[in-house]
mmCIF file of all heavy atoms, coordinates in Angstrom:
data_MODEL
# 
_entry.id   MODEL 
# 
loop_
_atom_site.group_PDB 
_atom_site.id 
_atom_site.type_symbol 
_atom_site.label_atom_id 
_atom_site.label_alt_id 
_atom_site.label_comp_id 
_atom_site.label_asym_id 
_atom_site.label_entity_id 
_atom_site.label_seq_id 
_atom_site.pdbx_PDB_ins_code 
_atom_site.Cartn_x 
_atom_site.Cartn_y 
_atom_site.Cartn_z 
_atom_site.occupancy 
_atom_site.B_iso_or_equiv 
_atom_site.pdbx_formal_charge 
_atom_site.auth_seq_id 
_atom_site.auth_comp_id 
_atom_site.auth_asym_id 
_atom_site.auth_atom_id 
_atom_site.pdbx_PDB_model_num 
ATOM 1   N N   . MET A 1 1  ? -25.532 -86.973 -6.984  1.00 0.00 ? 1  MET A N   1 
ATOM 2   C CA  . MET A 1 1  ? -24.602 -86.376 -6.120  1.00 0.00 ? 1  MET A CA  1 
ATOM 3   C C   . MET A 1 1  ? -23.754 -87.532 -5.448  1.00 0.00 ? 1  MET A C   1 
ATOM 4   O O   . MET A 1 1  ? -22.526 -87.422 -5.275  1.00 0.00 ? 1  MET A O   1 
ATOM 5   C CB  . MET A 1 1  ? -25.218 -85.506 -5.032  1.00 0.00 ? 1  MET A CB  1 
ATOM 6   C CG  . MET A 1 1  ? -25.649 -84.209 -5.543  1.00 0.00 ? 1  MET A CG  1 
ATOM 7   S SD  . MET A 1 1  ? -24.214 -83.106 -5.930  1.00 0.00 ? 1  MET A SD  1 
ATOM 8   C CE  . MET A 1 1  ? -23.515 -82.886 -4.308  1.00 0.00 ? 1  MET A CE  1 
ATOM 9   N N   . GLU A 1 2  ? -24.448 -88.566 -5.032  1.00 0.00 ? 2  GLU A N   1 
ATOM 10  C CA  . GLU A 1 2  ? -23.820 -89.724 -4.414  1.00 0.00 ? 2  GLU A CA  1 
ATOM 11  C C   . GLU A 1 2  ? -22.789 -90.295 -5.350  1.00 0.00 ? 2  GLU A C   1 
ATOM 12  O O   . GLU A 1 2  ? -21.699 -90.611 -5.012  1.00 0.00 ? 2  GLU A O   1 
ATOM 13  C CB  . GLU A 1 2  ? -24.804 -90.739 -3.967  1.00 0.00 ? 2  GLU A CB  1 
ATOM 14  C CG  . GLU A 1 2  ? -25.718 -90.329 -2.807  1.00 0.00 ? 2  GLU A CG  1 
ATOM 15  C CD  . GLU A 1 2  ? -26.782 -91.358 -2.489  1.00 0.00 ? 2  GLU A CD  1 
ATOM 16  O OE1 . GLU A 1 2  ? -26.651 -92.462 -3.061  1.00 0.00 ? 2  GLU A OE1 1 
ATOM 17  O OE2 . GLU A 1 2  ? -27.705 -91.086 -1.651  1.00 0.00 ? 2  GLU A OE2 1 
ATOM 18  N N   . ARG A 1 3  ? -23.226 -90.518 -6.595  1.00 0.00 ? 3  ARG A N   1 
ATOM 19  C CA  . ARG A 1 3  ? -22.326 -91.110 -7.632  1.00 0.00 ? 3  ARG A CA  1 
ATOM 20  C C   . ARG A 1 3  ? -21.168 -90.163 -7.969  1.00 0.00 ? 3  ARG A C   1 
ATOM 21  O O   . ARG A 1 3  ? -20.044 -90.616 -8.132  1.00 0.00 ? 3  ARG A O   1 
ATOM 22  C CB  . ARG A 1 3  ? -23.108 -91.517 -8.829  1.00 0.00 ? 3  ARG A CB  1 
ATOM 23  C CG  . ARG A 1 3  ? -22.205 -92.292 -9.833  1.00 0.00 ? 3  ARG A CG  1 
ATOM 24  C CD  . ARG A 1 3  ? -23.112 -92.954 -10.865 1.00 0.00 ? 3  ARG A CD  1 
ATOM 25  N NE  . ARG A 1 3  ? -22.280 -93.710 -11.871 1.00 0.00 ? 3  ARG A NE  1 
ATOM 26  C CZ  . ARG A 1 3  ? -21.679 -94.846 -11.658 1.00 0.00 ? 3  ARG A CZ  1 
ATOM 27  N NH1 . ARG A 1 3  ? -21.907 -95.497 -10.575 1.00 0.00 ? 3  ARG A NH1 1 
ATOM 28  N NH2 . ARG A 1 3  ? -21.057 -95.466 -12.661 1.00 0.00 ? 3  ARG A NH2 1 
ATOM 29  N N   . ALA A 1 4  ? -21.455 -88.869 -7.982  1.00 0.00 ? 4  ALA A N   1 
ATOM 30  C CA  . ALA A 1 4  ? -20.397 -87.834 -8.324  1.00 0.00 ? 4  ALA A CA  1 
ATOM 31  C C   . ALA A 1 4  ? -19.328 -87.900 -7.205  1.00 0.00 ? 4  ALA A C   1 
ATOM 32  O O   . ALA A 1 4  ? -18.128 -87.771 -7.467  1.00 0.00 ? 4  ALA A O   1 
ATOM 33  C CB  . ALA A 1 4  ? -20.998 -86.452 -8.500  1.00 0.00 ? 4  ALA A CB  1 
ATOM 34  N N   . LEU A 1 5  ? -19.787 -87.960 -5.969  1.00 0.00 ? 5  LEU A N   1 
ATOM 35  C CA  . LEU A 1 5  ? -18.804 -88.000 -4.824  1.00 0.00 ? 5  LEU A CA  1 
ATOM 36  C C   . LEU A 1 5  ? -17.980 -89.223 -4.887  1.00 0.00 ? 5  LEU A C   1 
ATOM 37  O O   . LEU A 1 5  ? -16.702 -89.282 -4.521  1.00 0.00 ? 5  LEU A O   1 
ATOM 38  C CB  . LEU A 1 5  ? -19.556 -87.887 -3.524  1.00 0.00 ? 5  LEU A CB  1 
ATOM 39  C CG  . LEU A 1 5  ? -20.210 -86.537 -3.215  1.00 0.00 ? 5  LEU A CG  1 
ATOM 40  C CD1 . LEU A 1 5  ? -21.108 -86.636 -1.946  1.00 0.00 ? 5  LEU A CD1 1 
ATOM 41  C CD2 . LEU A 1 5  ? -19.226 -85.495 -3.029  1.00 0.00 ? 5  LEU A CD2 1 
ATOM 42  N N   . GLN A 1 6  ? -18.573 -90.310 -5.287  1.00 0.00 ? 6  GLN A N   1 
ATOM 43  C CA  . GLN A 1 6  ? -17.906 -91.661 -5.318  1.00 0.00 ? 6  GLN A CA  1 
ATOM 44  C C   . GLN A 1 6  ? -16.750 -91.577 -6.326  1.00 0.00 ? 6  GLN A C   1 
ATOM 45  O O   . GLN A 1 6  ? -15.669 -92.081 -6.145  1.00 0.00 ? 6  GLN A O   1 
ATOM 46  C CB  . GLN A 1 6  ? -18.853 -92.712 -5.777  1.00 0.00 ? 6  GLN A CB  1 
ATOM 47  C CG  . GLN A 1 6  ? -18.235 -94.113 -5.897  1.00 0.00 ? 6  GLN A CG  1 
ATOM 48  C CD  . GLN A 1 6  ? -19.264 -95.104 -6.362  1.00 0.00 ? 6  GLN A CD  1 
ATOM 49  O OE1 . GLN A 1 6  ? -20.461 -94.807 -6.432  1.00 0.00 ? 6  GLN A OE1 1 
ATOM 50  N NE2 . GLN A 1 6  ? -18.802 -96.319 -6.769  1.00 0.00 ? 6  GLN A NE2 1 
ATOM 51  N N   . PHE A 1 7  ? -16.899 -90.890 -7.418  1.00 0.00 ? 7  PHE A N   1 
ATOM 52  C CA  . PHE A 1 7  ? -15.827 -90.722 -8.485  1.00 0.00 ? 7  PHE A CA  1 
ATOM 53  C C   . PHE A 1 7  ? -15.167 -89.350 -8.489  1.00 0.00 ? 7  PHE A C   1 
ATOM 54  O O   . PHE A 1 7  ? -14.382 -89.060 -9.476  1.00 0.00 ? 7  PHE A O   1 
ATOM 55  C CB  . PHE A 1 7  ? -16.496 -90.969 -9.847  1.00 0.00 ? 7  PHE A CB  1 
ATOM 56  C CG  . PHE A 1 7  ? -16.876 -92.404 -10.110 1.00 0.00 ? 7  PHE A CG  1 
ATOM 57  C CD1 . PHE A 1 7  ? -18.133 -92.882 -9.756  1.00 0.00 ? 7  PHE A CD1 1 
ATOM 58  C CD2 . PHE A 1 7  ? -16.050 -93.303 -10.612 1.00 0.00 ? 7  PHE A CD2 1 
ATOM 59  C CE1 . PHE A 1 7  ? -18.490 -94.189 -10.010 1.00 0.00 ? 7  PHE A CE1 1 
ATOM 60  C CE2 . PHE A 1 7  ? -16.325 -94.709 -10.851 1.00 0.00 ? 7  PHE A CE2 1 
ATOM 61  C CZ  . PHE A 1 7  ? -17.611 -95.065 -10.491 1.00 0.00 ? 7  PHE A CZ  1 
ATOM 62  N N   . ASN A 1 8  ? -15.447 -88.582 -7.435  1.00 0.00 ? 8  ASN A N   1 
ATOM 63  C CA  . ASN A 1 8  ? -14.847 -87.285 -7.318  1.00 0.00 ? 8  ASN A CA  1 
ATOM 64  C C   . ASN A 1 8  ? -14.974 -86.347 -8.554  1.00 0.00 ? 8  ASN A C   1 
ATOM 65  O O   . ASN A 1 8  ? -14.133 -85.690 -9.149  1.00 0.00 ? 8  ASN A O   1 
ATOM 66  C CB  . ASN A 1 8  ? -13.254 -87.412 -7.129  1.00 0.00 ? 8  ASN A CB  1 
ATOM 67  C CG  . ASN A 1 8  ? -12.841 -88.098 -5.813  1.00 0.00 ? 8  ASN A CG  1 
ATOM 68  O OD1 . ASN A 1 8  ? -13.588 -87.815 -4.754  1.00 0.00 ? 8  ASN A OD1 1 
ATOM 69  N ND2 . ASN A 1 8  ? -11.982 -88.956 -5.812  1.00 0.00 ? 8  ASN A ND2 1 
ATOM 70  N N   . ILE A 1 9  ? -16.241 -86.262 -8.883  1.00 0.00 ? 9  ILE A N   1 
ATOM 71  C CA  . ILE A 1 9  ? -16.676 -85.427 -10.102 1.00 0.00 ? 9  ILE A CA  1 
ATOM 72  C C   . ILE A 1 9  ? -17.539 -84.283 -9.642  1.00 0.00 ? 9  ILE A C   1 
ATOM 73  O O   . ILE A 1 9  ? -18.609 -84.439 -9.084  1.00 0.00 ? 9  ILE A O   1 
ATOM 74  C CB  . ILE A 1 9  ? -17.417 -86.322 -11.139 1.00 0.00 ? 9  ILE A CB  1 
ATOM 75  C CG1 . ILE A 1 9  ? -16.735 -87.493 -11.652 1.00 0.00 ? 9  ILE A CG1 1 
ATOM 76  C CG2 . ILE A 1 9  ? -17.970 -85.441 -12.276 1.00 0.00 ? 9  ILE A CG2 1 
ATOM 77  C CD1 . ILE A 1 9  ? -17.506 -88.480 -12.460 1.00 0.00 ? 9  ILE A CD1 1 
ATOM 78  N N   . PRO A 1 10 ? -16.971 -83.063 -9.766  1.00 0.00 ? 10 PRO A N   1 
ATOM 79  C CA  . PRO A 1 10 ? -17.740 -81.884 -9.364  1.00 0.00 ? 10 PRO A CA  1 
ATOM 80  C C   . PRO A 1 10 ? -18.775 -81.403 -10.413 1.00 0.00 ? 10 PRO A C   1 
ATOM 81  O O   . PRO A 1 10 ? -18.669 -81.806 -11.630 1.00 0.00 ? 10 PRO A O   1 
ATOM 82  C CB  . PRO A 1 10 ? -16.611 -80.807 -9.177  1.00 0.00 ? 10 PRO A CB  1 
ATOM 83  C CG  . PRO A 1 10 ? -15.638 -81.174 -10.206 1.00 0.00 ? 10 PRO A CG  1 
ATOM 84  C CD  . PRO A 1 10 ? -15.670 -82.676 -10.329 1.00 0.00 ? 10 PRO A CD  1 
ATOM 85  N N   . GLY A 1 11 ? -19.628 -80.583 -10.038 1.00 0.00 ? 11 GLY A N   1 
ATOM 86  C CA  . GLY A 1 11 ? -20.476 -79.908 -11.018 1.00 0.00 ? 11 GLY A CA  1 
ATOM 87  C C   . GLY A 1 11 ? -21.935 -80.349 -11.085 1.00 0.00 ? 11 GLY A C   1 
ATOM 88  O O   . GLY A 1 11 ? -22.743 -79.812 -11.913 1.00 0.00 ? 11 GLY A O   1 
ATOM 89  N N   . VAL A 1 12 ? -22.328 -81.320 -10.307 1.00 0.00 ? 12 VAL A N   1 
ATOM 90  C CA  . VAL A 1 12 ? -23.775 -81.783 -10.368 1.00 0.00 ? 12 VAL A CA  1 
ATOM 91  C C   . VAL A 1 12 ? -24.648 -80.778 -9.640  1.00 0.00 ? 12 VAL A C   1 
ATOM 92  O O   . VAL A 1 12 ? -24.361 -80.437 -8.459  1.00 0.00 ? 12 VAL A O   1 
ATOM 93  C CB  . VAL A 1 12 ? -23.869 -83.191 -9.747  1.00 0.00 ? 12 VAL A CB  1 
ATOM 94  C CG1 . VAL A 1 12 ? -25.408 -83.537 -9.653  1.00 0.00 ? 12 VAL A CG1 1 
ATOM 95  C CG2 . VAL A 1 12 ? -23.132 -84.241 -10.456 1.00 0.00 ? 12 VAL A CG2 1 
ATOM 96  N N   . THR A 1 13 ? -25.560 -80.155 -10.277 1.00 0.00 ? 13 THR A N   1 
ATOM 97  C CA  . THR A 1 13 ? -26.407 -79.161 -9.727  1.00 0.00 ? 13 THR A CA  1 
ATOM 98  C C   . THR A 1 13 ? -27.902 -79.561 -10.125 1.00 0.00 ? 13 THR A C   1 
ATOM 99  O O   . THR A 1 13 ? -28.141 -80.340 -10.977 1.00 0.00 ? 13 THR A O   1 
ATOM 100 C CB  . THR A 1 13 ? -26.184 -77.717 -10.277 1.00 0.00 ? 13 THR A CB  1 
ATOM 101 O OG1 . THR A 1 13 ? -26.501 -77.746 -11.702 1.00 0.00 ? 13 THR A OG1 1 
ATOM 102 C CG2 . THR A 1 13 ? -24.768 -77.338 -10.004 1.00 0.00 ? 13 THR A CG2 1 
ATOM 103 N N   . TYR A 1 14 ? -28.835 -79.010 -9.320  1.00 0.00 ? 14 TYR A N   1 
ATOM 104 C CA  . TYR A 1 14 ? -30.256 -79.345 -9.543  1.00 0.00 ? 14 TYR A CA  1 
ATOM 105 C C   . TYR A 1 14 ? -30.692 -79.003 -10.974 1.00 0.00 ? 14 TYR A C   1 
ATOM 106 O O   . TYR A 1 14 ? -31.350 -79.632 -11.687 1.00 0.00 ? 14 TYR A O   1 
ATOM 107 C CB  . TYR A 1 14 ? -31.132 -78.579 -8.367  1.00 0.00 ? 14 TYR A CB  1 
ATOM 108 C CG  . TYR A 1 14 ? -32.634 -78.945 -8.564  1.00 0.00 ? 14 TYR A CG  1 
ATOM 109 C CD1 . TYR A 1 14 ? -33.047 -80.076 -7.761  1.00 0.00 ? 14 TYR A CD1 1 
ATOM 110 C CD2 . TYR A 1 14 ? -33.419 -78.269 -9.206  1.00 0.00 ? 14 TYR A CD2 1 
ATOM 111 C CE1 . TYR A 1 14 ? -34.406 -80.440 -7.725  1.00 0.00 ? 14 TYR A CE1 1 
ATOM 112 C CE2 . TYR A 1 14 ? -34.887 -78.602 -9.263  1.00 0.00 ? 14 TYR A CE2 1 
ATOM 113 C CZ  . TYR A 1 14 ? -35.222 -79.700 -8.480  1.00 0.00 ? 14 TYR A CZ  1 
ATOM 114 O OH  . TYR A 1 14 ? -36.579 -80.031 -8.542  1.00 0.00 ? 14 TYR A OH  1 
ATOM 115 N N   . ARG A 1 15 ? -30.134 -77.760 -11.400 1.00 0.00 ? 15 ARG A N   1 
ATOM 116 C CA  . ARG A 1 15 ? -30.576 -77.241 -12.684 1.00 0.00 ? 15 ARG A CA  1 
ATOM 117 C C   . ARG A 1 15 ? -29.954 -78.139 -13.842 1.00 0.00 ? 15 ARG A C   1 
ATOM 118 O O   . ARG A 1 15 ? -30.672 -78.374 -14.776 1.00 0.00 ? 15 ARG A O   1 
ATOM 119 C CB  . ARG A 1 15 ? -30.016 -75.776 -12.889 1.00 0.00 ? 15 ARG A CB  1 
ATOM 120 C CG  . ARG A 1 15 ? -30.447 -75.168 -14.148 1.00 0.00 ? 15 ARG A CG  1 
ATOM 121 C CD  . ARG A 1 15 ? -30.251 -73.698 -14.163 1.00 0.00 ? 15 ARG A CD  1 
ATOM 122 N NE  . ARG A 1 15 ? -30.663 -73.140 -15.497 1.00 0.00 ? 15 ARG A NE  1 
ATOM 123 C CZ  . ARG A 1 15 ? -30.453 -71.835 -15.720 1.00 0.00 ? 15 ARG A CZ  1 
ATOM 124 N NH1 . ARG A 1 15 ? -29.988 -71.019 -14.958 1.00 0.00 ? 15 ARG A NH1 1 
ATOM 125 N NH2 . ARG A 1 15 ? -30.930 -71.290 -16.904 1.00 0.00 ? 15 ARG A NH2 1 
ATOM 126 N N   . LEU A 1 16 ? -28.705 -78.544 -13.624 1.00 0.00 ? 16 LEU A N   1 
ATOM 127 C CA  . LEU A 1 16 ? -28.170 -79.535 -14.586 1.00 0.00 ? 16 LEU A CA  1 
ATOM 128 C C   . LEU A 1 16 ? -28.926 -80.744 -14.655 1.00 0.00 ? 16 LEU A C   1 
ATOM 129 O O   . LEU A 1 16 ? -29.077 -81.336 -15.796 1.00 0.00 ? 16 LEU A O   1 
ATOM 130 C CB  . LEU A 1 16 ? -26.610 -79.689 -14.260 1.00 0.00 ? 16 LEU A CB  1 
ATOM 131 C CG  . LEU A 1 16 ? -25.903 -80.671 -15.188 1.00 0.00 ? 16 LEU A CG  1 
ATOM 132 C CD1 . LEU A 1 16 ? -25.836 -79.994 -16.592 1.00 0.00 ? 16 LEU A CD1 1 
ATOM 133 C CD2 . LEU A 1 16 ? -24.452 -80.919 -14.720 1.00 0.00 ? 16 LEU A CD2 1 
ATOM 134 N N   . VAL A 1 17 ? -29.276 -81.303 -13.498 1.00 0.00 ? 17 VAL A N   1 
ATOM 135 C CA  . VAL A 1 17 ? -30.221 -82.460 -13.501 1.00 0.00 ? 17 VAL A CA  1 
ATOM 136 C C   . VAL A 1 17 ? -31.479 -82.293 -14.392 1.00 0.00 ? 17 VAL A C   1 
ATOM 137 O O   . VAL A 1 17 ? -31.813 -83.150 -15.202 1.00 0.00 ? 17 VAL A O   1 
ATOM 138 C CB  . VAL A 1 17 ? -30.522 -82.904 -12.117 1.00 0.00 ? 17 VAL A CB  1 
ATOM 139 C CG1 . VAL A 1 17 ? -31.565 -84.117 -12.101 1.00 0.00 ? 17 VAL A CG1 1 
ATOM 140 C CG2 . VAL A 1 17 ? -29.206 -83.357 -11.332 1.00 0.00 ? 17 VAL A CG2 1 
ATOM 141 N N   . GLN A 1 18 ? -32.097 -81.172 -14.191 1.00 0.00 ? 18 GLN A N   1 
ATOM 142 C CA  . GLN A 1 18 ? -33.236 -80.928 -15.016 1.00 0.00 ? 18 GLN A CA  1 
ATOM 143 C C   . GLN A 1 18 ? -32.928 -80.839 -16.457 1.00 0.00 ? 18 GLN A C   1 
ATOM 144 O O   . GLN A 1 18 ? -33.723 -81.391 -17.208 1.00 0.00 ? 18 GLN A O   1 
ATOM 145 C CB  . GLN A 1 18 ? -33.914 -79.544 -14.555 1.00 0.00 ? 18 GLN A CB  1 
ATOM 146 C CG  . GLN A 1 18 ? -34.571 -79.531 -13.315 1.00 0.00 ? 18 GLN A CG  1 
ATOM 147 C CD  . GLN A 1 18 ? -35.161 -78.101 -12.949 1.00 0.00 ? 18 GLN A CD  1 
ATOM 148 O OE1 . GLN A 1 18 ? -34.454 -77.142 -12.972 1.00 0.00 ? 18 GLN A OE1 1 
ATOM 149 N NE2 . GLN A 1 18 ? -36.436 -78.144 -12.754 1.00 0.00 ? 18 GLN A NE2 1 
ATOM 150 N N   . GLY A 1 19 ? -31.818 -80.285 -16.792 1.00 0.00 ? 19 GLY A N   1 
ATOM 151 C CA  . GLY A 1 19 ? -31.520 -80.076 -18.192 1.00 0.00 ? 19 GLY A CA  1 
ATOM 152 C C   . GLY A 1 19 ? -31.174 -81.459 -18.843 1.00 0.00 ? 19 GLY A C   1 
ATOM 153 O O   . GLY A 1 19 ? -31.595 -81.792 -19.934 1.00 0.00 ? 19 GLY A O   1 
ATOM 154 N N   . VAL A 1 20 ? -30.497 -82.392 -18.064 1.00 0.00 ? 20 VAL A N   1 
ATOM 155 C CA  . VAL A 1 20 ? -30.151 -83.630 -18.659 1.00 0.00 ? 20 VAL A CA  1 
ATOM 156 C C   . VAL A 1 20 ? -31.442 -84.518 -18.739 1.00 0.00 ? 20 VAL A C   1 
ATOM 157 O O   . VAL A 1 20 ? -31.606 -85.238 -19.723 1.00 0.00 ? 20 VAL A O   1 
ATOM 158 C CB  . VAL A 1 20 ? -29.114 -84.333 -17.788 1.00 0.00 ? 20 VAL A CB  1 
ATOM 159 C CG1 . VAL A 1 20 ? -28.945 -85.881 -18.298 1.00 0.00 ? 20 VAL A CG1 1 
ATOM 160 C CG2 . VAL A 1 20 ? -27.753 -83.630 -17.856 1.00 0.00 ? 20 VAL A CG2 1 
ATOM 161 N N   . VAL A 1 21 ? -32.276 -84.500 -17.708 1.00 0.00 ? 21 VAL A N   1 
ATOM 162 C CA  . VAL A 1 21 ? -33.430 -85.387 -17.690 1.00 0.00 ? 21 VAL A CA  1 
ATOM 163 C C   . VAL A 1 21 ? -34.424 -84.924 -18.759 1.00 0.00 ? 21 VAL A C   1 
ATOM 164 O O   . VAL A 1 21 ? -35.013 -85.740 -19.494 1.00 0.00 ? 21 VAL A O   1 
ATOM 165 C CB  . VAL A 1 21 ? -34.107 -85.301 -16.311 1.00 0.00 ? 21 VAL A CB  1 
ATOM 166 C CG1 . VAL A 1 21 ? -35.521 -85.967 -16.459 1.00 0.00 ? 21 VAL A CG1 1 
ATOM 167 C CG2 . VAL A 1 21 ? -33.176 -85.963 -15.271 1.00 0.00 ? 21 VAL A CG2 1 
ATOM 168 N N   . LYS A 1 22 ? -34.639 -83.662 -18.959 1.00 0.00 ? 22 LYS A N   1 
ATOM 169 C CA  . LYS A 1 22 ? -35.579 -83.051 -19.928 1.00 0.00 ? 22 LYS A CA  1 
ATOM 170 C C   . LYS A 1 22 ? -34.942 -82.787 -21.314 1.00 0.00 ? 22 LYS A C   1 
ATOM 171 O O   . LYS A 1 22 ? -35.660 -82.250 -22.156 1.00 0.00 ? 22 LYS A O   1 
ATOM 172 C CB  . LYS A 1 22 ? -36.182 -81.869 -19.379 1.00 0.00 ? 22 LYS A CB  1 
ATOM 173 C CG  . LYS A 1 22 ? -37.043 -82.089 -18.032 1.00 0.00 ? 22 LYS A CG  1 
ATOM 174 C CD  . LYS A 1 22 ? -37.645 -80.891 -17.584 1.00 0.00 ? 22 LYS A CD  1 
ATOM 175 C CE  . LYS A 1 22 ? -38.641 -80.294 -18.477 1.00 0.00 ? 22 LYS A CE  1 
ATOM 176 N NZ  . LYS A 1 22 ? -39.356 -78.994 -17.875 1.00 0.00 ? 22 LYS A NZ  1 
ATOM 177 N N   . HIS A 1 23 ? -33.678 -83.009 -21.369 1.00 0.00 ? 23 HIS A N   1 
ATOM 178 C CA  . HIS A 1 23 ? -32.986 -82.675 -22.666 1.00 0.00 ? 23 HIS A CA  1 
ATOM 179 C C   . HIS A 1 23 ? -33.119 -81.166 -23.044 1.00 0.00 ? 23 HIS A C   1 
ATOM 180 O O   . HIS A 1 23 ? -33.508 -80.871 -24.192 1.00 0.00 ? 23 HIS A O   1 
ATOM 181 C CB  . HIS A 1 23 ? -33.441 -83.614 -23.864 1.00 0.00 ? 23 HIS A CB  1 
ATOM 182 C CG  . HIS A 1 23 ? -33.060 -84.999 -23.709 1.00 0.00 ? 23 HIS A CG  1 
ATOM 183 N ND1 . HIS A 1 23 ? -31.809 -85.497 -23.824 1.00 0.00 ? 23 HIS A ND1 1 
ATOM 184 C CD2 . HIS A 1 23 ? -33.863 -86.051 -23.369 1.00 0.00 ? 23 HIS A CD2 1 
ATOM 185 C CE1 . HIS A 1 23 ? -31.699 -86.794 -23.661 1.00 0.00 ? 23 HIS A CE1 1 
ATOM 186 N NE2 . HIS A 1 23 ? -32.995 -87.089 -23.396 1.00 0.00 ? 23 HIS A NE2 1 
ATOM 187 N N   . ILE A 1 24 ? -32.929 -80.253 -22.053 1.00 0.00 ? 24 ILE A N   1 
ATOM 188 C CA  . ILE A 1 24 ? -33.148 -78.887 -22.278 1.00 0.00 ? 24 ILE A CA  1 
ATOM 189 C C   . ILE A 1 24 ? -31.852 -78.167 -22.155 1.00 0.00 ? 24 ILE A C   1 
ATOM 190 O O   . ILE A 1 24 ? -30.824 -78.705 -21.539 1.00 0.00 ? 24 ILE A O   1 
ATOM 191 C CB  . ILE A 1 24 ? -34.182 -78.239 -21.310 1.00 0.00 ? 24 ILE A CB  1 
ATOM 192 C CG1 . ILE A 1 24 ? -33.628 -78.418 -19.903 1.00 0.00 ? 24 ILE A CG1 1 
ATOM 193 C CG2 . ILE A 1 24 ? -35.575 -78.769 -21.474 1.00 0.00 ? 24 ILE A CG2 1 
ATOM 194 C CD1 . ILE A 1 24 ? -34.689 -77.698 -18.848 1.00 0.00 ? 24 ILE A CD1 1 
ATOM 195 N N   . ILE A 1 25 ? -31.788 -77.012 -22.705 1.00 0.00 ? 25 ILE A N   1 
ATOM 196 C CA  . ILE A 1 25 ? -30.541 -76.144 -22.621 1.00 0.00 ? 25 ILE A CA  1 
ATOM 197 C C   . ILE A 1 25 ? -30.889 -74.819 -21.896 1.00 0.00 ? 25 ILE A C   1 
ATOM 198 O O   . ILE A 1 25 ? -32.053 -74.438 -21.882 1.00 0.00 ? 25 ILE A O   1 
ATOM 199 C CB  . ILE A 1 25 ? -29.964 -75.788 -24.084 1.00 0.00 ? 25 ILE A CB  1 
ATOM 200 C CG1 . ILE A 1 25 ? -31.074 -75.183 -24.923 1.00 0.00 ? 25 ILE A CG1 1 
ATOM 201 C CG2 . ILE A 1 25 ? -29.537 -77.124 -24.779 1.00 0.00 ? 25 ILE A CG2 1 
ATOM 202 C CD1 . ILE A 1 25 ? -30.665 -74.856 -26.297 1.00 0.00 ? 25 ILE A CD1 1 
ATOM 203 N N   . PRO A 1 26 ? -29.918 -74.202 -21.324 1.00 0.00 ? 26 PRO A N   1 
ATOM 204 C CA  . PRO A 1 26 ? -30.200 -72.995 -20.597 1.00 0.00 ? 26 PRO A CA  1 
ATOM 205 C C   . PRO A 1 26 ? -30.698 -71.826 -21.518 1.00 0.00 ? 26 PRO A C   1 
ATOM 206 O O   . PRO A 1 26 ? -30.259 -71.730 -22.661 1.00 0.00 ? 26 PRO A O   1 
ATOM 207 C CB  . PRO A 1 26 ? -28.833 -72.628 -19.953 1.00 0.00 ? 26 PRO A CB  1 
ATOM 208 C CG  . PRO A 1 26 ? -27.828 -73.256 -20.871 1.00 0.00 ? 26 PRO A CG  1 
ATOM 209 C CD  . PRO A 1 26 ? -28.493 -74.628 -21.308 1.00 0.00 ? 26 PRO A CD  1 
# 
């Protein structure tokens, strides 16, 4: 979230973090 705010990038969510870290899809 800190890095996304630094570059004005929306869309970081807890669930998305889980998906990227674990390489999972909804």
